[in-house]
Amino acid sequence: MKKLLPILMMLFAFSFGANAQQAKERKPFPEEKAKQETFELSKAVEVDGATQQALFQLFLKKHKDLDNENVKLTEADKQQLSSIIDAKLRATLSDDQIQKLQSVGLYEKLIH
């Protein structure tokens, strides 16, 4: 009985350590990535609520497509996705907003 308590304590300590490592290795969900990109864009240029929501949906689709483990995208597919995002951003934002995003280096990150 005396040996059981230290064994249980060690087992608990090791399982806790393993769970902590798993939490660190978790990849962000597409929703989190899309929210972060929308936030960064909103900090760089002013957009209204409807535009912000539309851009969030665009970035969400991008990350769902890129993170889909069932479908492996080729480089051509990724380039096509990038072109679509580029076109939608250019249709949604003004030229001044696009230039501002490019000047801070955010535009390339958003389309890739």
C-alpha atoms as a PDB file:
ATOM      1  CA  MET A   1       0.000   0.000   0.000  1.00  0.00           C
ATOM      2  CA  LYS A   2       2.875   2.364   0.792  1.00  0.00           C
ATOM      3  CA  LYS A   3       4.312   1.826  -2.681  1.00  0.00           C
ATOM      4  CA  LEU A   4       0.982   2.406  -4.395  1.00  0.00           C
ATOM      5  CA  LEU A   5       0.758   6.084  -3.488  1.00  0.00           C
ATOM      6  CA  PRO A   6       4.144   7.087  -4.992  1.00  0.00           C
ATOM      7  CA  ILE A   7       3.381   5.059  -8.115  1.00  0.00           C
ATOM      8  CA  LEU A   8       0.033   6.807  -8.548  1.00  0.00           C
ATOM      9  CA  MET A   9       1.667  10.192  -8.005  1.00  0.00           C
ATOM     10  CA  MET A  10       4.292   9.453 -10.658  1.00  0.00           C
ATOM     11  CA  LEU A  11       1.634   8.233 -13.068  1.00  0.00           C
ATOM     12  CA  PHE A  12      -0.361  11.411 -12.534  1.00  0.00           C
ATOM     13  CA  ALA A  13       2.726  13.594 -13.022  1.00  0.00           C
ATOM     14  CA  PHE A  14       3.670  11.885 -16.288  1.00  0.00           C
ATOM     15  CA  SER A  15       0.154  12.042 -17.688  1.00  0.00           C
ATOM     16  CA  PHE A  16      -0.082  15.733 -16.791  1.00  0.00           C
ATOM     17  CA  GLY A  17       3.216  16.417 -18.559  1.00  0.00           C
ATOM     18  CA  ALA A  18       2.066  14.575 -21.668  1.00  0.00           C
ATOM     19  CA  ASN A  19      -1.157  16.606 -21.801  1.00  0.00           C
ATOM     20  CA  ALA A  20       0.786  19.852 -21.478  1.00  0.00           C
ATOM     21  CA  GLN A  21       2.926  18.912 -24.473  1.00  0.00           C
ATOM     22  CA  GLN A  22      -0.121  18.062 -26.553  1.00  0.00           C
ATOM     23  CA  ALA A  23      -1.650  21.449 -25.786  1.00  0.00           C
ATOM     24  CA  LYS A  24       1.475  23.221 -27.045  1.00  0.00           C
ATOM     25  CA  GLU A  25       1.535  21.265 -30.303  1.00  0.00           C
ATOM     26  CA  ARG A  26      -2.064  22.026 -31.288  1.00  0.00           C
ATOM     27  CA  LYS A  27      -2.358  23.815 -34.595  1.00  0.00           C
ATOM     28  CA  PRO A  28      -4.660  26.823 -34.688  1.00  0.00           C
ATOM     29  CA  PHE A  29      -8.078  26.141 -36.156  1.00  0.00           C
ATOM     30  CA  PRO A  30      -9.032  27.782 -39.468  1.00  0.00           C
ATOM     31  CA  GLU A  31     -11.463  30.029 -37.574  1.00  0.00           C
ATOM     32  CA  GLU A  32      -8.647  31.295 -35.367  1.00  0.00           C
ATOM     33  CA  LYS A  33      -6.397  31.957 -38.345  1.00  0.00           C
ATOM     34  CA  ALA A  34      -9.177  33.769 -40.214  1.00  0.00           C
ATOM     35  CA  LYS A  35     -10.006  35.861 -37.168  1.00  0.00           C
ATOM     36  CA  GLN A  36      -6.346  36.811 -36.744  1.00  0.00           C
ATOM     37  CA  GLU A  37      -5.983  37.829 -40.394  1.00  0.00           C
ATOM     38  CA  THR A  38      -9.199  39.843 -40.253  1.00  0.00           C
ATOM     39  CA  PHE A  39      -7.970  41.558 -37.107  1.00  0.00           C
ATOM     40  CA  GLU A  40      -4.600  42.392 -38.681  1.00  0.00           C
ATOM     41  CA  LEU A  41      -6.304  43.764 -41.790  1.00  0.00           C
ATOM     42  CA  SER A  42      -8.676  45.856 -39.669  1.00  0.00           C
ATOM     43  CA  LYS A  43      -5.742  47.308 -37.745  1.00  0.00           C
ATOM     44  CA  ALA A  44      -3.975  48.293 -40.963  1.00  0.00           C
ATOM     45  CA  VAL A  45      -6.949  49.742 -42.869  1.00  0.00           C
ATOM     46  CA  GLU A  46     -10.388  50.882 -41.837  1.00  0.00           C
ATOM     47  CA  VAL A  47     -13.233  48.626 -42.973  1.00  0.00           C
ATOM     48  CA  ASP A  48     -16.888  48.588 -41.991  1.00  0.00           C
ATOM     49  CA  GLY A  49     -18.570  45.704 -40.197  1.00  0.00           C
ATOM     50  CA  ALA A  50     -20.126  44.100 -43.276  1.00  0.00           C
ATOM     51  CA  THR A  51     -16.832  44.201 -45.154  1.00  0.00           C
ATOM     52  CA  GLN A  52     -15.029  42.828 -42.144  1.00  0.00           C
ATOM     53  CA  GLN A  53     -17.471  39.909 -41.952  1.00  0.00           C
ATOM     54  CA  ALA A  54     -17.127  39.214 -45.685  1.00  0.00           C
ATOM     55  CA  LEU A  55     -13.337  39.213 -45.397  1.00  0.00           C
ATOM     56  CA  PHE A  56     -13.508  36.899 -42.392  1.00  0.00           C
ATOM     57  CA  GLN A  57     -15.555  34.447 -44.478  1.00  0.00           C
ATOM     58  CA  LEU A  58     -13.017  34.718 -47.308  1.00  0.00           C
ATOM     59  CA  PHE A  59     -10.082  34.014 -44.994  1.00  0.00           C
ATOM     60  CA  LEU A  60     -12.010  31.215 -43.304  1.00  0.00           C
ATOM     61  CA  LYS A  61     -12.558  29.489 -46.641  1.00  0.00           C
ATOM     62  CA  LYS A  62      -8.883  29.975 -47.483  1.00  0.00           C
ATOM     63  CA  HIS A  63      -7.711  28.319 -44.288  1.00  0.00           C
ATOM     64  CA  LYS A  64     -10.253  25.522 -44.482  1.00  0.00           C
ATOM     65  CA  ASP A  65      -9.050  24.738 -47.995  1.00  0.00           C
ATOM     66  CA  LEU A  66      -5.381  24.939 -47.022  1.00  0.00           C
ATOM     67  CA  ASP A  67      -5.788  22.941 -43.804  1.00  0.00           C
ATOM     68  CA  ASN A  68      -8.021  20.223 -45.250  1.00  0.00           C
ATOM     69  CA  GLU A  69      -6.169  16.994 -44.550  1.00  0.00           C
ATOM     70  CA  ASN A  70      -8.458  14.985 -46.826  1.00  0.00           C
ATOM     71  CA  VAL A  71      -7.516  16.966 -49.929  1.00  0.00           C
ATOM     72  CA  LYS A  72      -3.881  17.645 -50.722  1.00  0.00           C
ATOM     73  CA  LEU A  73      -3.599  20.862 -52.727  1.00  0.00           C
ATOM     74  CA  THR A  74      -1.033  21.043 -55.482  1.00  0.00           C
ATOM     75  CA  GLU A  75       1.045  24.158 -56.044  1.00  0.00           C
ATOM     76  CA  ALA A  76      -1.242  25.011 -58.969  1.00  0.00           C
ATOM     77  CA  ASP A  77      -4.279  24.730 -56.677  1.00  0.00           C
ATOM     78  CA  LYS A  78      -2.625  26.954 -54.091  1.00  0.00           C
ATOM     79  CA  GLN A  79      -1.745  29.499 -56.775  1.00  0.00           C
ATOM     80  CA  GLN A  80      -5.330  29.486 -58.025  1.00  0.00           C
ATOM     81  CA  LEU A  81      -6.633  29.977 -54.477  1.00  0.00           C
ATOM     82  CA  SER A  82      -4.194  32.850 -54.031  1.00  0.00           C
ATOM     83  CA  SER A  83      -5.407  34.444 -57.275  1.00  0.00           C
ATOM     84  CA  ILE A  84      -9.034  34.161 -56.174  1.00  0.00           C
ATOM     85  CA  ILE A  85      -8.285  35.779 -52.821  1.00  0.00           C
ATOM     86  CA  ASP A  86      -6.304  38.511 -54.560  1.00  0.00           C
ATOM     87  CA  ALA A  87      -9.204  39.238 -56.920  1.00  0.00           C
ATOM     88  CA  LYS A  88     -11.748  39.324 -54.097  1.00  0.00           C
ATOM     89  CA  LEU A  89      -9.592  41.613 -51.975  1.00  0.00           C
ATOM     90  CA  ARG A  90      -9.079  43.968 -54.921  1.00  0.00           C
ATOM     91  CA  ALA A  91     -12.836  43.973 -55.576  1.00  0.00           C
ATOM     92  CA  THR A  92     -13.636  44.657 -51.922  1.00  0.00           C
ATOM     93  CA  LEU A  93     -10.963  47.149 -50.898  1.00  0.00           C
ATOM     94  CA  SER A  94     -10.024  50.472 -52.460  1.00  0.00           C
ATOM     95  CA  ASP A  95      -6.712  51.021 -54.230  1.00  0.00           C
ATOM     96  CA  ASP A  96      -5.512  53.128 -51.299  1.00  0.00           C
ATOM     97  CA  GLN A  97      -6.323  50.335 -48.860  1.00  0.00           C
ATOM     98  CA  ILE A  98      -4.516  47.786 -51.033  1.00  0.00           C
ATOM     99  CA  GLN A  99      -1.461  50.040 -51.240  1.00  0.00           C
ATOM    100  CA  LYS A 100      -1.459  50.523 -47.483  1.00  0.00           C
ATOM    101  CA  LEU A 101      -1.612  46.760 -46.929  1.00  0.00           C
ATOM    102  CA  GLN A 102       1.231  46.277 -49.394  1.00  0.00           C
ATOM    103  CA  SER A 103       3.334  48.970 -47.740  1.00  0.00           C
ATOM    104  CA  VAL A 104       3.144  47.255 -44.353  1.00  0.00           C
ATOM    105  CA  GLY A 105       3.799  43.839 -45.906  1.00  0.00           C
ATOM    106  CA  LEU A 106       0.420  42.395 -44.984  1.00  0.00           C
ATOM    107  CA  TYR A 107      -1.090  41.977 -48.431  1.00  0.00           C
ATOM    108  CA  GLU A 108       1.176  39.108 -49.485  1.00  0.00           C
ATOM    109  CA  LYS A 109       0.473  37.306 -46.221  1.00  0.00           C
ATOM    110  CA  LEU A 110      -3.271  37.637 -46.741  1.00  0.00           C
ATOM    111  CA  ILE A 111      -3.301  36.222 -50.248  1.00  0.00           C
ATOM    112  CA  HIS A 112      -0.994  33.283 -49.481  1.00  0.00           C
END
